[in-house]
Amino acid sequence: MENIQKDYLDCYSFYKVAAESFKKAGKDQGIVKNLENSADVSLKYNYDLGEIMGLNPEVMAEMTKTKIDAFVKMANKDFSSLAKKYGLMCKSLVENPEQRTNYWEQKGSKIIK
């Protein structure tokens, strides 16, 4: 559960940074809105899972701020690498969260064996 929660945190951060980057670049507002919507979905699941795991909201807020700061630094250095690393995974996570959950369950069962 920690891994999927971390994925949602990564994706929230990725989508927020991407939306802000696209907004500053004057890109189509529809694209920016879609990125922001995906960020909202990711944040909701991040907090829902964190709550199930017993994480304090203040701790989750600090984790989120730290992760966004790290993604801003990565984006400023090389946005295309950031997009390449997180774009497809995050798209898949938001559109089909069950697939990513299955991924982590399978990975976990291999470690346990």
PDB file of N, CA and C in Angstrom:
ATOM      1  N   MET A   1       0.827  -1.186   0.000  1.00  0.00           N
ATOM      2  CA  MET A   1       0.000   0.000   0.000  1.00  0.00           C
ATOM      3  C   MET A   1       0.875   1.255   0.000  1.00  0.00           C
ATOM      4  N   GLU A   2       2.035   1.165   0.652  1.00  0.00           N
ATOM      5  CA  GLU A   2       2.943   2.322   0.674  1.00  0.00           C
ATOM      6  C   GLU A   2       3.408   2.692  -0.731  1.00  0.00           C
ATOM      7  N   ASN A   3       3.664   1.675  -1.557  1.00  0.00           N
ATOM      8  CA  ASN A   3       4.158   1.945  -2.911  1.00  0.00           C
ATOM      9  C   ASN A   3       3.117   2.652  -3.766  1.00  0.00           C
ATOM     10  N   ILE A   4       1.877   2.214  -3.702  1.00  0.00           N
ATOM     11  CA  ILE A   4       0.840   2.840  -4.524  1.00  0.00           C
ATOM     12  C   ILE A   4       0.554   4.256  -4.004  1.00  0.00           C
ATOM     13  N   GLN A   5       0.635   4.435  -2.675  1.00  0.00           N
ATOM     14  CA  GLN A   5       0.456   5.770  -2.104  1.00  0.00           C
ATOM     15  C   GLN A   5       1.576   6.693  -2.591  1.00  0.00           C
ATOM     16  N   LYS A   6       2.795   6.170  -2.637  1.00  0.00           N
ATOM     17  CA  LYS A   6       3.933   6.944  -3.132  1.00  0.00           C
ATOM     18  C   LYS A   6       3.735   7.283  -4.614  1.00  0.00           C
ATOM     19  N   ASP A   7       3.210   6.335  -5.391  1.00  0.00           N
ATOM     20  CA  ASP A   7       2.925   6.607  -6.806  1.00  0.00           C
ATOM     21  C   ASP A   7       1.947   7.772  -6.952  1.00  0.00           C
ATOM     22  N   TYR A   8       0.899   7.772  -6.128  1.00  0.00           N
ATOM     23  CA  TYR A   8      -0.073   8.869  -6.204  1.00  0.00           C
ATOM     24  C   TYR A   8       0.569  10.199  -5.829  1.00  0.00           C
ATOM     25  N   LEU A   9       1.451  10.178  -4.852  1.00  0.00           N
ATOM     26  CA  LEU A   9       2.161  11.404  -4.470  1.00  0.00           C
ATOM     27  C   LEU A   9       3.053  11.880  -5.616  1.00  0.00           C
ATOM     28  N   ASP A  10       3.780  10.944  -6.230  1.00  0.00           N
ATOM     29  CA  ASP A  10       4.620  11.291  -7.381  1.00  0.00           C
ATOM     30  C   ASP A  10       3.776  11.875  -8.509  1.00  0.00           C
ATOM     31  N   CYS A  11       2.640  11.234  -8.772  1.00  0.00           N
ATOM     32  CA  CYS A  11       1.805  11.690  -9.888  1.00  0.00           C
ATOM     33  C   CYS A  11       1.153  13.032  -9.592  1.00  0.00           C
ATOM     34  N   TYR A  12       0.715  13.235  -8.354  1.00  0.00           N
ATOM     35  CA  TYR A  12       0.179  14.547  -8.004  1.00  0.00           C
ATOM     36  C   TYR A  12       1.233  15.619  -8.266  1.00  0.00           C
ATOM     37  N   SER A  13       2.441  15.367  -7.801  1.00  0.00           N
ATOM     38  CA  SER A  13       3.530  16.329  -7.967  1.00  0.00           C
ATOM     39  C   SER A  13       3.843  16.553  -9.439  1.00  0.00           C
ATOM     40  N   PHE A  14       3.902  15.466 -10.193  1.00  0.00           N
ATOM     41  CA  PHE A  14       4.173  15.569 -11.632  1.00  0.00           C
ATOM     42  C   PHE A  14       3.098  16.409 -12.324  1.00  0.00           C
ATOM     43  N   TYR A  15       1.836  16.100 -12.062  1.00  0.00           N
ATOM     44  CA  TYR A  15       0.751  16.821 -12.726  1.00  0.00           C
ATOM     45  C   TYR A  15       0.707  18.297 -12.326  1.00  0.00           C
ATOM     46  N   LYS A  16       0.966  18.605 -11.053  1.00  0.00           N
ATOM     47  CA  LYS A  16       0.971  19.997 -10.624  1.00  0.00           C
ATOM     48  C   LYS A  16       2.092  20.781 -11.310  1.00  0.00           C
ATOM     49  N   VAL A  17       3.275  20.187 -11.358  1.00  0.00           N
ATOM     50  CA  VAL A  17       4.416  20.852 -11.990  1.00  0.00           C
ATOM     51  C   VAL A  17       4.172  20.991 -13.494  1.00  0.00           C
ATOM     52  N   ALA A  18       3.648  19.943 -14.118  1.00  0.00           N
ATOM     53  CA  ALA A  18       3.378  19.998 -15.556  1.00  0.00           C
ATOM     54  C   ALA A  18       2.315  21.057 -15.865  1.00  0.00           C
ATOM     55  N   ALA A  19       1.258  21.100 -15.058  1.00  0.00           N
ATOM     56  CA  ALA A  19       0.195  22.081 -15.291  1.00  0.00           C
ATOM     57  C   ALA A  19       0.742  23.502 -15.179  1.00  0.00           C
ATOM     58  N   GLU A  20       1.549  23.743 -14.171  1.00  0.00           N
ATOM     59  CA  GLU A  20       2.127  25.077 -13.987  1.00  0.00           C
ATOM     60  C   GLU A  20       3.084  25.434 -15.127  1.00  0.00           C
ATOM     61  N   SER A  21       3.868  24.447 -15.557  1.00  0.00           N
ATOM     62  CA  SER A  21       4.798  24.670 -16.677  1.00  0.00           C
ATOM     63  C   SER A  21       4.043  24.999 -17.961  1.00  0.00           C
ATOM     64  N   PHE A  22       2.976  24.249 -18.223  1.00  0.00           N
ATOM     65  CA  PHE A  22       2.187  24.483 -19.429  1.00  0.00           C
ATOM     66  C   PHE A  22       1.464  25.820 -19.353  1.00  0.00           C
ATOM     67  N   LYS A  23       1.000  26.169 -18.158  1.00  0.00           N
ATOM     68  CA  LYS A  23       0.313  27.453 -17.971  1.00  0.00           C
ATOM     69  C   LYS A  23       1.267  28.605 -18.268  1.00  0.00           C
ATOM     70  N   LYS A  24       2.483  28.528 -17.717  1.00  0.00           N
ATOM     71  CA  LYS A  24       3.481  29.574 -17.945  1.00  0.00           C
ATOM     72  C   LYS A  24       3.896  29.659 -19.408  1.00  0.00           C
ATOM     73  N   ALA A  25       3.857  28.514 -20.104  1.00  0.00           N
ATOM     74  CA  ALA A  25       4.243  28.485 -21.513  1.00  0.00           C
ATOM     75  C   ALA A  25       3.102  28.922 -22.434  1.00  0.00           C
ATOM     76  N   GLY A  26       1.942  29.230 -21.850  1.00  0.00           N
ATOM     77  CA  GLY A  26       0.812  29.696 -22.650  1.00  0.00           C
ATOM     78  C   GLY A  26       0.151  28.606 -23.467  1.00  0.00           C
ATOM     79  N   LYS A  27       0.234  27.369 -22.991  1.00  0.00           N
ATOM     80  CA  LYS A  27      -0.379  26.248 -23.719  1.00  0.00           C
ATOM     81  C   LYS A  27      -1.896  26.293 -23.585  1.00  0.00           C
ATOM     82  N   ASP A  28      -2.541  25.477 -24.397  1.00  0.00           N
ATOM     83  CA  ASP A  28      -3.997  25.373 -24.429  1.00  0.00           C
ATOM     84  C   ASP A  28      -4.557  25.154 -23.019  1.00  0.00           C
ATOM     85  N   GLN A  29      -5.543  25.946 -22.653  1.00  0.00           N
ATOM     86  CA  GLN A  29      -6.152  25.845 -21.322  1.00  0.00           C
ATOM     87  C   GLN A  29      -6.796  24.480 -21.075  1.00  0.00           C
ATOM     88  N   GLY A  30      -7.237  23.816 -22.136  1.00  0.00           N
ATOM     89  CA  GLY A  30      -7.818  22.479 -21.991  1.00  0.00           C
ATOM     90  C   GLY A  30      -6.792  21.479 -21.477  1.00  0.00           C
ATOM     91  N   ILE A  31      -5.569  21.589 -21.971  1.00  0.00           N
ATOM     92  CA  ILE A  31      -4.493  20.710 -21.524  1.00  0.00           C
ATOM     93  C   ILE A  31      -4.174  20.990 -20.057  1.00  0.00           C
ATOM     94  N   VAL A  32      -4.087  22.266 -19.723  1.00  0.00           N
ATOM     95  CA  VAL A  32      -3.788  22.657 -18.337  1.00  0.00           C
ATOM     96  C   VAL A  32      -4.885  22.142 -17.410  1.00  0.00           C
ATOM     97  N   LYS A  33      -6.135  22.297 -17.819  1.00  0.00           N
ATOM     98  CA  LYS A  33      -7.262  21.833 -16.990  1.00  0.00           C
ATOM     99  C   LYS A  33      -7.213  20.317 -16.801  1.00  0.00           C
ATOM    100  N   ASN A  34      -6.901  19.581 -17.852  1.00  0.00           N
ATOM    101  CA  ASN A  34      -6.796  18.120 -17.738  1.00  0.00           C
ATOM    102  C   ASN A  34      -5.675  17.721 -16.773  1.00  0.00           C
ATOM    103  N   LEU A  35      -4.552  18.405 -16.859  1.00  0.00           N
ATOM    104  CA  LEU A  35      -3.443  18.125 -15.944  1.00  0.00           C
ATOM    105  C   LEU A  35      -3.847  18.434 -14.499  1.00  0.00           C
ATOM    106  N   GLU A  36      -4.531  19.537 -14.306  1.00  0.00           N
ATOM    107  CA  GLU A  36      -4.976  19.899 -12.959  1.00  0.00           C
ATOM    108  C   GLU A  36      -6.002  18.903 -12.423  1.00  0.00           C
ATOM    109  N   ASN A  37      -6.899  18.421 -13.287  1.00  0.00           N
ATOM    110  CA  ASN A  37      -7.873  17.413 -12.871  1.00  0.00           C
ATOM    111  C   ASN A  37      -7.175  16.112 -12.468  1.00  0.00           C
ATOM    112  N   SER A  38      -6.171  15.722 -13.247  1.00  0.00           N
ATOM    113  CA  SER A  38      -5.413  14.514 -12.915  1.00  0.00           C
ATOM    114  C   SER A  38      -4.661  14.692 -11.597  1.00  0.00           C
ATOM    115  N   ALA A  39      -4.162  15.895 -11.355  1.00  0.00           N
ATOM    116  CA  ALA A  39      -3.499  16.185 -10.079  1.00  0.00           C
ATOM    117  C   ALA A  39      -4.488  16.037  -8.930  1.00  0.00           C
ATOM    118  N   ASP A  40      -5.708  16.554  -9.109  1.00  0.00           N
ATOM    119  CA  ASP A  40      -6.726  16.457  -8.059  1.00  0.00           C
ATOM    120  C   ASP A  40      -7.072  15.005  -7.741  1.00  0.00           C
ATOM    121  N   VAL A  41      -7.230  14.193  -8.773  1.00  0.00           N
ATOM    122  CA  VAL A  41      -7.527  12.765  -8.581  1.00  0.00           C
ATOM    123  C   VAL A  41      -6.384  12.099  -7.824  1.00  0.00           C
ATOM    124  N   SER A  42      -5.153  12.380  -8.239  1.00  0.00           N
ATOM    125  CA  SER A  42      -3.980  11.785  -7.596  1.00  0.00           C
ATOM    126  C   SER A  42      -3.887  12.202  -6.129  1.00  0.00           C
ATOM    127  N   LEU A  43      -4.141  13.471  -5.853  1.00  0.00           N
ATOM    128  CA  LEU A  43      -4.066  13.961  -4.480  1.00  0.00           C
ATOM    129  C   LEU A  43      -5.127  13.298  -3.599  1.00  0.00           C
ATOM    130  N   LYS A  44      -6.323  13.146  -4.128  1.00  0.00           N
ATOM    131  CA  LYS A  44      -7.396  12.514  -3.364  1.00  0.00           C
ATOM    132  C   LYS A  44      -7.005  11.092  -2.976  1.00  0.00           C
ATOM    133  N   TYR A  45      -6.549  10.321  -3.950  1.00  0.00           N
ATOM    134  CA  TYR A  45      -6.166   8.940  -3.647  1.00  0.00           C
ATOM    135  C   TYR A  45      -4.953   8.895  -2.723  1.00  0.00           C
ATOM    136  N   ASN A  46      -4.028   9.804  -2.892  1.00  0.00           N
ATOM    137  CA  ASN A  46      -2.855   9.885  -2.026  1.00  0.00           C
ATOM    138  C   ASN A  46      -3.301  10.062  -0.574  1.00  0.00           C
ATOM    139  N   TYR A  47      -4.199  11.009  -0.347  1.00  0.00           N
ATOM    140  CA  TYR A  47      -4.667  11.276   1.013  1.00  0.00           C
ATOM    141  C   TYR A  47      -5.558  10.156   1.536  1.00  0.00           C
ATOM    142  N   ASP A  48      -6.400   9.579   0.672  1.00  0.00           N
ATOM    143  CA  ASP A  48      -7.244   8.455   1.105  1.00  0.00           C
ATOM    144  C   ASP A  48      -6.382   7.286   1.586  1.00  0.00           C
ATOM    145  N   LEU A  49      -5.371   6.934   0.808  1.00  0.00           N
ATOM    146  CA  LEU A  49      -4.485   5.833   1.198  1.00  0.00           C
ATOM    147  C   LEU A  49      -3.666   6.196   2.438  1.00  0.00           C
ATOM    148  N   GLY A  50      -3.197   7.429   2.492  1.00  0.00           N
ATOM    149  CA  GLY A  50      -2.450   7.871   3.665  1.00  0.00           C
ATOM    150  C   GLY A  50      -3.288   7.775   4.929  1.00  0.00           C
ATOM    151  N   GLU A  51      -4.556   8.135   4.814  1.00  0.00           N
ATOM    152  CA  GLU A  51      -5.460   8.055   5.962  1.00  0.00           C
ATOM    153  C   GLU A  51      -5.643   6.598   6.398  1.00  0.00           C
ATOM    154  N   ILE A  52      -5.824   5.697   5.427  1.00  0.00           N
ATOM    155  CA  ILE A  52      -5.960   4.266   5.727  1.00  0.00           C
ATOM    156  C   ILE A  52      -4.702   3.752   6.426  1.00  0.00           C
ATOM    157  N   MET A  53      -3.554   4.267   5.996  1.00  0.00           N
ATOM    158  CA  MET A  53      -2.275   3.839   6.575  1.00  0.00           C
ATOM    159  C   MET A  53      -1.996   4.515   7.920  1.00  0.00           C
ATOM    160  N   GLY A  54      -2.862   5.439   8.329  1.00  0.00           N
ATOM    161  CA  GLY A  54      -2.706   6.101   9.613  1.00  0.00           C
ATOM    162  C   GLY A  54      -1.757   7.280   9.608  1.00  0.00           C
ATOM    163  N   LEU A  55      -1.497   7.828   8.421  1.00  0.00           N
ATOM    164  CA  LEU A  55      -0.622   8.998   8.345  1.00  0.00           C
ATOM    165  C   LEU A  55      -1.371  10.252   8.774  1.00  0.00           C
ATOM    166  N   ASN A  56      -0.715  11.075   9.524  1.00  0.00           N
ATOM    167  CA  ASN A  56      -1.239  12.342   9.991  1.00  0.00           C
ATOM    168  C   ASN A  56      -1.342  13.304   8.801  1.00  0.00           C
ATOM    169  N   PRO A  57      -2.456  14.069   8.683  1.00  0.00           N
ATOM    170  CA  PRO A  57      -2.595  15.013   7.567  1.00  0.00           C
ATOM    171  C   PRO A  57      -1.445  16.021   7.465  1.00  0.00           C
ATOM    172  N   GLU A  58      -0.909  16.458   8.606  1.00  0.00           N
ATOM    173  CA  GLU A  58       0.208  17.401   8.569  1.00  0.00           C
ATOM    174  C   GLU A  58       1.456  16.746   7.981  1.00  0.00           C
ATOM    175  N   VAL A  59       1.659  15.483   8.320  1.00  0.00           N
ATOM    176  CA  VAL A  59       2.797  14.732   7.767  1.00  0.00           C
ATOM    177  C   VAL A  59       2.624  14.573   6.258  1.00  0.00           C
ATOM    178  N   MET A  60       1.400  14.245   5.832  1.00  0.00           N
ATOM    179  CA  MET A  60       1.145  14.090   4.392  1.00  0.00           C
ATOM    180  C   MET A  60       1.335  15.417   3.665  1.00  0.00           C
ATOM    181  N   ALA A  61       0.915  16.514   4.275  1.00  0.00           N
ATOM    182  CA  ALA A  61       1.089  17.832   3.655  1.00  0.00           C
ATOM    183  C   ALA A  61       2.575  18.153   3.495  1.00  0.00           C
ATOM    184  N   GLU A  62       3.373  17.836   4.498  1.00  0.00           N
ATOM    185  CA  GLU A  62       4.814  18.084   4.420  1.00  0.00           C
ATOM    186  C   GLU A  62       5.468  17.191   3.357  1.00  0.00           C
ATOM    187  N   MET A  63       5.032  15.913   3.295  1.00  0.00           N
ATOM    188  CA  MET A  63       5.556  15.001   2.269  1.00  0.00           C
ATOM    189  C   MET A  63       5.231  15.538   0.872  1.00  0.00           C
ATOM    190  N   THR A  64       4.022  16.051   0.719  1.00  0.00           N
ATOM    191  CA  THR A  64       3.579  16.585  -0.574  1.00  0.00           C
ATOM    192  C   THR A  64       4.404  17.807  -0.956  1.00  0.00           C
ATOM    193  N   LYS A  65       4.605  18.712  -0.013  1.00  0.00           N
ATOM    194  CA  LYS A  65       5.405  19.908  -0.293  1.00  0.00           C
ATOM    195  C   LYS A  65       6.829  19.537  -0.672  1.00  0.00           C
ATOM    196  N   THR A  66       7.423  18.618   0.049  1.00  0.00           N
ATOM    197  CA  THR A  66       8.792  18.180  -0.234  1.00  0.00           C
ATOM    198  C   THR A  66       8.888  17.558  -1.620  1.00  0.00           C
ATOM    199  N   LYS A  67       7.907  16.736  -1.970  1.00  0.00           N
ATOM    200  CA  LYS A  67       7.926  16.066  -3.278  1.00  0.00           C
ATOM    201  C   LYS A  67       7.736  17.087  -4.403  1.00  0.00           C
ATOM    202  N   ILE A  68       6.838  18.023  -4.243  1.00  0.00           N
ATOM    203  CA  ILE A  68       6.635  19.047  -5.281  1.00  0.00           C
ATOM    204  C   ILE A  68       7.905  19.862  -5.464  1.00  0.00           C
ATOM    205  N   ASP A  69       8.540  20.243  -4.376  1.00  0.00           N
ATOM    206  CA  ASP A  69       9.797  20.994  -4.472  1.00  0.00           C
ATOM    207  C   ASP A  69      10.841  20.209  -5.267  1.00  0.00           C
ATOM    208  N   ALA A  70      10.929  18.904  -5.013  1.00  0.00           N
ATOM    209  CA  ALA A  70      11.888  18.065  -5.745  1.00  0.00           C
ATOM    210  C   ALA A  70      11.530  17.992  -7.228  1.00  0.00           C
ATOM    211  N   PHE A  71      10.239  17.896  -7.536  1.00  0.00           N
ATOM    212  CA  PHE A  71       9.820  17.822  -8.933  1.00  0.00           C
ATOM    213  C   PHE A  71      10.034  19.153  -9.654  1.00  0.00           C
ATOM    214  N   VAL A  72       9.866  20.253  -8.949  1.00  0.00           N
ATOM    215  CA  VAL A  72      10.134  21.574  -9.553  1.00  0.00           C
ATOM    216  C   VAL A  72      11.605  21.649  -9.944  1.00  0.00           C
ATOM    217  N   LYS A  73      12.484  21.204  -9.054  1.00  0.00           N
ATOM    218  CA  LYS A  73      13.919  21.204  -9.371  1.00  0.00           C
ATOM    219  C   LYS A  73      14.217  20.329 -10.577  1.00  0.00           C
ATOM    220  N   MET A  74      13.601  19.126 -10.615  1.00  0.00           N
ATOM    221  CA  MET A  74      13.815  18.234 -11.764  1.00  0.00           C
ATOM    222  C   MET A  74      13.301  18.867 -13.048  1.00  0.00           C
ATOM    223  N   ALA A  75      12.135  19.489 -12.980  1.00  0.00           N
ATOM    224  CA  ALA A  75      11.532  20.096 -14.172  1.00  0.00           C
ATOM    225  C   ALA A  75      12.382  21.255 -14.677  1.00  0.00           C
ATOM    226  N   ASN A  76      12.905  22.045 -13.767  1.00  0.00           N
ATOM    227  CA  ASN A  76      13.752  23.167 -14.169  1.00  0.00           C
ATOM    228  C   ASN A  76      15.043  22.690 -14.815  1.00  0.00           C
ATOM    229  N   LYS A  77      15.513  21.550 -14.381  1.00  0.00           N
ATOM    230  CA  LYS A  77      16.738  20.980 -14.931  1.00  0.00           C
ATOM    231  C   LYS A  77      16.490  20.334 -16.296  1.00  0.00           C
ATOM    232  N   ASP A  78      15.432  19.499 -16.384  1.00  0.00           N
ATOM    233  CA  ASP A  78      15.155  18.752 -17.617  1.00  0.00           C
ATOM    234  C   ASP A  78      13.718  18.241 -17.596  1.00  0.00           C
ATOM    235  N   PHE A  79      12.790  19.080 -18.049  1.00  0.00           N
ATOM    236  CA  PHE A  79      11.374  18.720 -18.004  1.00  0.00           C
ATOM    237  C   PHE A  79      11.080  17.483 -18.839  1.00  0.00           C
ATOM    238  N   SER A  80      11.729  17.325 -19.980  1.00  0.00           N
ATOM    239  CA  SER A  80      11.411  16.181 -20.839  1.00  0.00           C
ATOM    240  C   SER A  80      11.771  14.857 -20.164  1.00  0.00           C
ATOM    241  N   SER A  81      12.836  14.830 -19.387  1.00  0.00           N
ATOM    242  CA  SER A  81      13.184  13.607 -18.648  1.00  0.00           C
ATOM    243  C   SER A  81      12.144  13.319 -17.568  1.00  0.00           C
ATOM    244  N   LEU A  82      11.678  14.362 -16.914  1.00  0.00           N
ATOM    245  CA  LEU A  82      10.634  14.202 -15.904  1.00  0.00           C
ATOM    246  C   LEU A  82       9.364  13.638 -16.546  1.00  0.00           C
ATOM    247  N   ALA A  83       8.990  14.208 -17.687  1.00  0.00           N
ATOM    248  CA  ALA A  83       7.796  13.749 -18.390  1.00  0.00           C
ATOM    249  C   ALA A  83       7.952  12.308 -18.870  1.00  0.00           C
ATOM    250  N   LYS A  84       9.131  11.983 -19.348  1.00  0.00           N
ATOM    251  CA  LYS A  84       9.381  10.626 -19.819  1.00  0.00           C
ATOM    252  C   LYS A  84       9.288   9.620 -18.671  1.00  0.00           C
ATOM    253  N   LYS A  85       9.810   9.989 -17.520  1.00  0.00           N
ATOM    254  CA  LYS A  85       9.838   9.085 -16.370  1.00  0.00           C
ATOM    255  C   LYS A  85       8.441   8.894 -15.758  1.00  0.00           C
ATOM    256  N   TYR A  86       7.642   9.958 -15.698  1.00  0.00           N
ATOM    257  CA  TYR A  86       6.376   9.891 -14.974  1.00  0.00           C
ATOM    258  C   TYR A  86       5.120   9.984 -15.835  1.00  0.00           C
ATOM    259  N   GLY A  87       5.225  10.509 -17.030  1.00  0.00           N
ATOM    260  CA  GLY A  87       4.035  10.765 -17.840  1.00  0.00           C
ATOM    261  C   GLY A  87       3.147   9.564 -18.066  1.00  0.00           C
ATOM    262  N   LEU A  88       3.683   8.510 -18.649  1.00  0.00           N
ATOM    263  CA  LEU A  88       2.862   7.334 -18.967  1.00  0.00           C
ATOM    264  C   LEU A  88       2.420   6.589 -17.720  1.00  0.00           C
ATOM    265  N   MET A  89       3.315   6.468 -16.744  1.00  0.00           N
ATOM    266  CA  MET A  89       2.942   5.771 -15.512  1.00  0.00           C
ATOM    267  C   MET A  89       1.794   6.501 -14.826  1.00  0.00           C
ATOM    268  N   CYS A  90       1.875   7.819 -14.756  1.00  0.00           N
ATOM    269  CA  CYS A  90       0.833   8.588 -14.090  1.00  0.00           C
ATOM    270  C   CYS A  90      -0.478   8.555 -14.868  1.00  0.00           C
ATOM    271  N   LYS A  91      -0.390   8.620 -16.167  1.00  0.00           N
ATOM    272  CA  LYS A  91      -1.594   8.527 -17.000  1.00  0.00           C
ATOM    273  C   LYS A  91      -2.282   7.190 -16.735  1.00  0.00           C
ATOM    274  N   SER A  92      -1.508   6.123 -16.724  1.00  0.00           N
ATOM    275  CA  SER A  92      -2.042   4.791 -16.461  1.00  0.00           C
ATOM    276  C   SER A  92      -2.628   4.702 -15.053  1.00  0.00           C
ATOM    277  N   LEU A  93      -1.940   5.289 -14.075  1.00  0.00           N
ATOM    278  CA  LEU A  93      -2.411   5.240 -12.688  1.00  0.00           C
ATOM    279  C   LEU A  93      -3.757   5.933 -12.536  1.00  0.00           C
ATOM    280  N   VAL A  94      -3.902   7.095 -13.141  1.00  0.00           N
ATOM    281  CA  VAL A  94      -5.148   7.853 -13.009  1.00  0.00           C
ATOM    282  C   VAL A  94      -6.281   7.181 -13.787  1.00  0.00           C
ATOM    283  N   GLU A  95      -5.969   6.665 -14.980  1.00  0.00           N
ATOM    284  CA  GLU A  95      -7.007   6.064 -15.814  1.00  0.00           C
ATOM    285  C   GLU A  95      -7.356   4.644 -15.389  1.00  0.00           C
ATOM    286  N   ASN A  96      -6.389   3.913 -14.827  1.00  0.00           N
ATOM    287  CA  ASN A  96      -6.623   2.520 -14.469  1.00  0.00           C
ATOM    288  C   ASN A  96      -5.846   2.171 -13.192  1.00  0.00           C
ATOM    289  N   PRO A  97      -6.297   2.680 -12.041  1.00  0.00           N
ATOM    290  CA  PRO A  97      -5.554   2.461 -10.798  1.00  0.00           C
ATOM    291  C   PRO A  97      -5.419   0.988 -10.417  1.00  0.00           C
ATOM    292  N   GLU A  98      -6.380   0.184 -10.815  1.00  0.00           N
ATOM    293  CA  GLU A  98      -6.340  -1.242 -10.486  1.00  0.00           C
ATOM    294  C   GLU A  98      -5.111  -1.922 -11.095  1.00  0.00           C
ATOM    295  N   GLN A  99      -4.731  -1.488 -12.296  1.00  0.00           N
ATOM    296  CA  GLN A  99      -3.569  -2.070 -12.968  1.00  0.00           C
ATOM    297  C   GLN A  99      -2.299  -1.827 -12.152  1.00  0.00           C
ATOM    298  N   ARG A 100      -2.127  -0.642 -11.632  1.00  0.00           N
ATOM    299  CA  ARG A 100      -0.932  -0.326 -10.846  1.00  0.00           C
ATOM    300  C   ARG A 100      -0.954  -1.042  -9.493  1.00  0.00           C
ATOM    301  N   THR A 101      -2.139  -1.156  -8.901  1.00  0.00           N
ATOM    302  CA  THR A 101      -2.273  -1.911  -7.649  1.00  0.00           C
ATOM    303  C   THR A 101      -1.867  -3.356  -7.877  1.00  0.00           C
ATOM    304  N   ASN A 102      -2.321  -3.933  -8.977  1.00  0.00           N
ATOM    305  CA  ASN A 102      -1.941  -5.317  -9.319  1.00  0.00           C
ATOM    306  C   ASN A 102      -0.431  -5.436  -9.518  1.00  0.00           C
ATOM    307  N   TYR A 103       0.165  -4.442 -10.139  1.00  0.00           N
ATOM    308  CA  TYR A 103       1.611  -4.426 -10.352  1.00  0.00           C
ATOM    309  C   TYR A 103       2.348  -4.553  -9.018  1.00  0.00           C
ATOM    310  N   TRP A 104       1.948  -3.727  -8.043  1.00  0.00           N
ATOM    311  CA  TRP A 104       2.621  -3.749  -6.745  1.00  0.00           C
ATOM    312  C   TRP A 104       2.319  -5.022  -5.974  1.00  0.00           C
ATOM    313  N   GLU A 105       1.108  -5.554  -6.129  1.00  0.00           N
ATOM    314  CA  GLU A 105       0.782  -6.811  -5.457  1.00  0.00           C
ATOM    315  C   GLU A 105       1.639  -7.950  -6.010  1.00  0.00           C
ATOM    316  N   GLN A 106       1.789  -7.996  -7.332  1.00  0.00           N
ATOM    317  CA  GLN A 106       2.617  -9.036  -7.949  1.00  0.00           C
ATOM    318  C   GLN A 106       4.078  -8.886  -7.532  1.00  0.00           C
ATOM    319  N   LYS A 107       4.554  -7.677  -7.521  1.00  0.00           N
ATOM    320  CA  LYS A 107       5.946  -7.423  -7.114  1.00  0.00           C
ATOM    321  C   LYS A 107       6.155  -7.836  -5.660  1.00  0.00           C
ATOM    322  N   GLY A 108       5.192  -7.535  -4.816  1.00  0.00           N
ATOM    323  CA  GLY A 108       5.268  -7.908  -3.400  1.00  0.00           C
ATOM    324  C   GLY A 108       5.228  -9.402  -3.192  1.00  0.00           C
ATOM    325  N   SER A 109       4.415 -10.097  -3.977  1.00  0.00           N
ATOM    326  CA  SER A 109       4.314 -11.553  -3.802  1.00  0.00           C
ATOM    327  C   SER A 109       5.601 -12.234  -4.245  1.00  0.00           C
ATOM    328  N   LYS A 110       6.332 -11.666  -5.193  1.00  0.00           N
ATOM    329  CA  LYS A 110       7.618 -12.235  -5.616  1.00  0.00           C
ATOM    330  C   LYS A 110       8.658 -12.098  -4.517  1.00  0.00           C
ATOM    331  N   ILE A 111       8.612 -10.997  -3.798  1.00  0.00           N
ATOM    332  CA  ILE A 111       9.563 -10.749  -2.715  1.00  0.00           C
ATOM    333  C   ILE A 111       9.278 -11.691  -1.545  1.00  0.00           C
ATOM    334  N   ILE A 112       8.000 -11.929  -1.268  1.00  0.00           N
ATOM    335  CA  ILE A 112       7.613 -12.753  -0.128  1.00  0.00           C
ATOM    336  C   ILE A 112       7.983 -14.231  -0.358  1.00  0.00           C
ATOM    337  N   LYS A 113       7.936 -14.696  -1.599  1.00  0.00           N
ATOM    338  CA  LYS A 113       8.213 -16.118  -1.892  1.00  0.00           C
ATOM    339  C   LYS A 113       9.588 -16.534  -1.551  1.00  0.00           C
TER     340      LYS A 113
END
